[in-house]
Protein backbone atom coordinates (compact mmCIF):
# COMPACT_ATOMS: atom_id res chain seq x y z
CA MET A 1 -1.20 -14.65 -29.09
CA PRO A 2 0.11 -14.82 -25.41
CA THR A 3 3.49 -13.53 -24.42
CA LEU A 4 5.93 -16.16 -23.66
CA TRP A 5 6.67 -16.75 -19.77
CA LEU A 6 10.41 -16.81 -19.66
CA PRO A 7 12.02 -18.98 -17.05
CA ASN A 8 13.72 -17.36 -13.98
CA PRO A 9 17.57 -16.40 -14.12
CA PRO A 10 19.79 -18.97 -12.92
CA ALA A 11 20.68 -19.40 -9.28
CA GLY A 12 23.37 -17.00 -8.05
CA THR A 13 22.14 -14.10 -10.22
CA PRO A 14 22.63 -10.60 -8.41
CA ILE A 15 19.06 -9.30 -7.96
CA CYS A 16 17.12 -6.60 -6.13
CA ALA A 17 13.31 -7.47 -4.96
CA GLY A 18 10.15 -5.53 -4.33
CA PHE A 19 7.20 -6.69 -2.11
CA ASP A 20 3.63 -5.47 -1.97
CA GLY A 21 1.54 -7.18 0.62
CA SER A 22 -2.01 -7.65 1.59
CA ASP A 23 -3.73 -9.67 4.25
CA ASN A 24 -7.16 -10.81 2.72
CA ASN A 25 -8.38 -8.51 -0.13
CA ASP A 26 -5.64 -7.42 -2.55
CA HIS A 27 -3.15 -9.88 -3.80
CA THR A 28 0.39 -10.20 -2.36
CA ALA A 29 3.34 -9.85 -4.88
CA LEU A 30 7.15 -10.35 -4.92
CA ARG A 31 8.83 -9.31 -8.11
CA CYS A 32 12.75 -9.08 -8.77
CA GLU A 33 15.02 -7.21 -10.98
CA THR A 34 18.51 -8.29 -12.28
CA ARG A 35 21.41 -5.88 -12.67
CA ASP A 36 20.76 -5.56 -16.22
CA GLY A 37 16.96 -4.58 -15.73
CA PHE A 38 15.32 -7.89 -16.33
CA GLN A 39 12.21 -8.00 -14.22
CA PHE A 40 10.74 -11.40 -13.26
CA THR A 41 8.22 -13.21 -11.02
CA PRO A 42 10.18 -15.84 -8.84
CA ARG A 43 8.92 -19.33 -8.82
CA TYR A 44 9.21 -21.22 -5.63
CA GLY A 45 8.57 -24.75 -3.82
CA PRO A 46 8.08 -28.06 -5.32
CA ASP A 47 5.46 -26.89 -7.75
CA ASP A 48 7.37 -23.74 -9.12
CA ARG A 49 4.45 -21.43 -7.81
CA PRO A 50 4.70 -17.79 -8.87
CA THR A 51 5.32 -15.33 -6.08
CA ILE A 52 1.88 -13.59 -6.44
CA TRP A 53 -0.92 -14.89 -4.19
CA ASN A 54 -4.52 -14.40 -5.01
CA PRO A 55 -6.27 -14.67 -1.31
CA ALA A 56 -9.51 -16.02 -3.02
CA LEU A 57 -7.46 -19.13 -3.75
CA TRP A 58 -6.35 -19.53 -0.18
CA GLY A 59 -9.73 -19.40 1.66
CA GLY A 60 -9.72 -15.76 1.64
CA GLN A 61 -6.51 -15.23 3.42
CA ILE A 62 -2.97 -14.72 2.17
CA PRO A 63 -0.92 -17.60 3.09
CA ARG A 64 1.75 -16.02 5.15
CA GLY A 65 3.68 -19.17 5.55
CA GLU A 66 4.01 -19.45 1.81
CA VAL A 67 5.16 -15.90 1.39
CA ARG A 68 7.82 -16.51 4.01
CA ALA A 69 9.01 -19.64 2.17
CA ALA A 70 9.13 -17.51 -1.05
CA VAL A 71 11.35 -14.88 0.60
CA ASP A 72 13.61 -17.49 2.02
CA HIS A 73 13.90 -19.16 -1.43
CA ILE A 74 15.01 -15.76 -3.24
CA PHE A 75 17.62 -15.08 -0.56
CA ALA A 76 18.94 -18.60 -0.71
CA THR A 77 18.79 -18.79 -4.62
CA TYR A 78 19.93 -15.44 -5.56
CA GLU A 79 22.36 -12.73 -4.51
CA VAL A 80 19.90 -10.18 -3.17
CA ALA A 81 21.16 -6.61 -2.83
CA ARG A 82 18.20 -5.08 -1.74
CA LEU A 83 14.53 -6.05 -0.94
CA TYR A 84 12.28 -3.01 -0.85
CA ALA A 85 8.98 -4.17 1.20
CA ASP A 86 5.73 -1.92 1.84
CA PRO A 87 5.31 -2.59 5.37
CA HIS A 88 1.39 -2.26 5.57
CA ASP A 89 0.37 -5.43 7.13
CA TRP A 90 3.58 -6.99 6.90
CA ARG A 91 5.71 -4.97 9.38
CA THR A 92 6.52 -8.08 11.61
CA GLU A 93 7.40 -10.32 8.77
CA ILE A 94 9.64 -7.51 7.31
CA GLY A 95 11.44 -6.99 10.66
CA GLU A 96 12.08 -10.89 10.90
CA TRP A 97 13.38 -10.79 7.22
CA ALA A 98 15.56 -8.09 8.19
CA LEU A 99 17.04 -10.21 11.05
CA GLU A 100 17.55 -13.43 9.13
CA HIS A 101 18.85 -11.77 6.02
CA GLY A 102 20.47 -8.58 7.21
CA ASP A 103 19.06 -5.09 7.53
CA GLU A 104 21.54 -4.08 4.82
CA HIS A 105 19.52 -5.98 2.40
CA VAL A 106 15.91 -5.62 3.67
CA PHE A 107 14.18 -2.27 3.83
CA GLU A 108 10.58 -0.87 4.66
CA TRP A 109 9.62 1.29 1.77
CA ALA A 110 6.19 2.75 2.31
CA THR A 111 3.84 3.07 -0.84
CA ASN A 112 1.47 5.53 0.89
CA ARG A 113 3.82 8.40 0.49
CA PRO A 114 2.30 10.32 -2.44
CA ARG A 115 5.38 12.42 -3.47
CA GLN A 116 8.01 9.52 -3.19
CA MET A 117 5.46 7.01 -4.86
CA TYR A 118 5.08 9.56 -7.70
CA GLU A 119 8.72 9.87 -8.23
CA SER A 120 9.29 6.06 -8.32
CA ILE A 121 6.42 5.63 -10.79
CA ARG A 122 7.89 8.27 -12.98
CA ARG A 123 11.18 6.57 -13.00
CA PHE A 124 9.76 3.26 -13.69
CA GLU A 125 7.51 4.53 -16.57
CA ASN A 126 10.56 6.44 -18.24
CA ASP A 127 12.82 3.20 -17.55
CA LEU A 128 10.16 1.11 -19.38
CA LYS A 129 11.06 2.69 -22.57
CA SER A 130 14.61 1.46 -22.72
CA ARG A 131 16.06 0.03 -19.56
CA ILE A 132 13.80 -2.66 -18.48
CA THR A 133 13.04 -5.98 -19.80
CA HIS A 134 10.55 -8.64 -18.41
CA ASP A 135 9.64 -12.40 -18.24
CA GLY A 136 6.26 -12.01 -19.67
CA CYS A 137 4.59 -13.07 -16.40
CA PRO A 138 0.77 -12.88 -17.56
CA ILE A 139 -0.36 -12.01 -13.82
CA THR A 140 2.08 -8.87 -13.97
CA GLN A 141 0.82 -7.89 -17.17
CA ALA A 142 -2.99 -8.02 -16.22
CA HIS A 143 -1.85 -5.87 -13.03
CA MET A 144 -0.14 -3.43 -15.25
CA ASP A 145 -3.01 -3.25 -17.49
CA ASN A 146 -5.24 -2.26 -14.52
CA CYS A 147 -3.25 0.76 -13.32
CA ARG A 148 -4.93 3.95 -13.35
CA LYS A 149 -3.44 7.30 -12.53
CA VAL A 150 -4.94 8.85 -9.67
CA PRO A 151 -4.39 12.74 -9.37
CA LYS A 152 -2.72 14.13 -6.35
CA PRO A 153 -1.82 17.64 -5.39
CA GLY A 154 1.37 19.29 -7.05
CA ASP A 155 0.50 17.93 -10.54
CA SER A 156 1.45 14.42 -9.54
CA TYR A 157 -0.42 11.14 -9.29
CA VAL A 158 -0.18 7.55 -7.67
CA LEU A 159 -1.58 4.39 -9.02
CA GLY A 160 -5.08 2.95 -8.14
CA LYS A 161 -7.40 0.30 -9.23
CA PRO A 162 -10.26 0.85 -11.52
CA ASN A 163 -12.42 -1.34 -9.22
CA ASP A 164 -11.85 -3.59 -6.46
CA HIS A 165 -11.63 -6.91 -8.31
CA GLN A 166 -8.99 -5.49 -10.92
CA LYS A 167 -5.74 -5.71 -8.76
CA ILE A 168 -2.60 -3.84 -9.34
CA ASP A 169 -0.28 -5.43 -6.71
CA ALA A 170 2.29 -7.10 -8.89
CA ALA A 171 2.64 -3.77 -10.81
CA MET A 172 3.54 -2.02 -7.43
CA ALA A 173 6.02 -4.80 -6.58
CA SER A 174 7.53 -4.31 -9.97
CA ILE A 175 7.99 -0.51 -9.21
CA LEU A 176 9.53 -1.31 -5.75
CA ALA A 177 11.99 -3.82 -7.26
CA HIS A 178 12.96 -1.23 -9.89
CA GLU A 179 13.29 1.58 -7.17
CA ALA A 180 15.64 -0.87 -5.16
CA ALA A 181 17.60 -1.69 -8.24
CA ALA A 182 18.08 1.97 -9.23
CA ASP A 183 19.10 2.80 -5.63
CA ALA A 184 21.43 -0.20 -5.51
CA ARG A 185 23.08 0.85 -8.75
CA ALA A 186 23.51 4.50 -7.51
CA ALA A 187 25.24 2.95 -4.47
CA GLY A 188 27.69 1.14 -6.68
CA TRP A 189 25.90 -2.13 -7.82
CA GLU A 190 27.54 -2.90 -11.10
CA ASP A 191 25.35 -2.31 -14.24
CA VAL A 192 25.45 -4.75 -17.08
CA ASP A 193 24.35 -3.99 -20.71
CA GLY A 194 21.65 -6.13 -22.04
CA ARG A 195 18.73 -6.36 -24.58
CA MET A 196 15.91 -4.19 -23.49
CA PHE A 197 12.15 -4.43 -24.43
CA CYS A 198 8.89 -3.14 -22.67
CA PHE A 199 5.57 -4.05 -21.46
CA SER A 200 3.23 -3.54 -24.24
């Protein structure tokens, strides 16, 4: 039985966001987390499209205009404390977002740093047990299921795909959103109690 895909939180909700981008092969994903640990895939535009883009559905190229519109939407709709964005292929856009929305809210967060990525993955894995809830986004669930641990030196690991067509980008965006939220909480972003459950 499929998981219910819950609606987005109401406008004005304080959130943090994570962005994992590609150009023409992997998916591009934008995920968000509220102060109480609820993760969701924003919907944007007149068709309420999810903020996960498969280039195969866009002529083989990620639609950068759509991504920009989605980022503008979340900043216009929610109270965004932090957006952590992997700069690979998207450095120019991230710079523009920082100019438009404030460099105190938009940060580059490179996912190709094995030690830092490992620490973020471990925090995410631990917090999934009791601190993170989710909206039931089926695309994100599929990407979570696709993740494989790739060993790295120092008894650590990063996440990888089992093969090229099994994507993990929404999972990576979820980890970045949680890292942004955790850092925001540590900097004084008020935490709120809430009901918790985990990805199965």
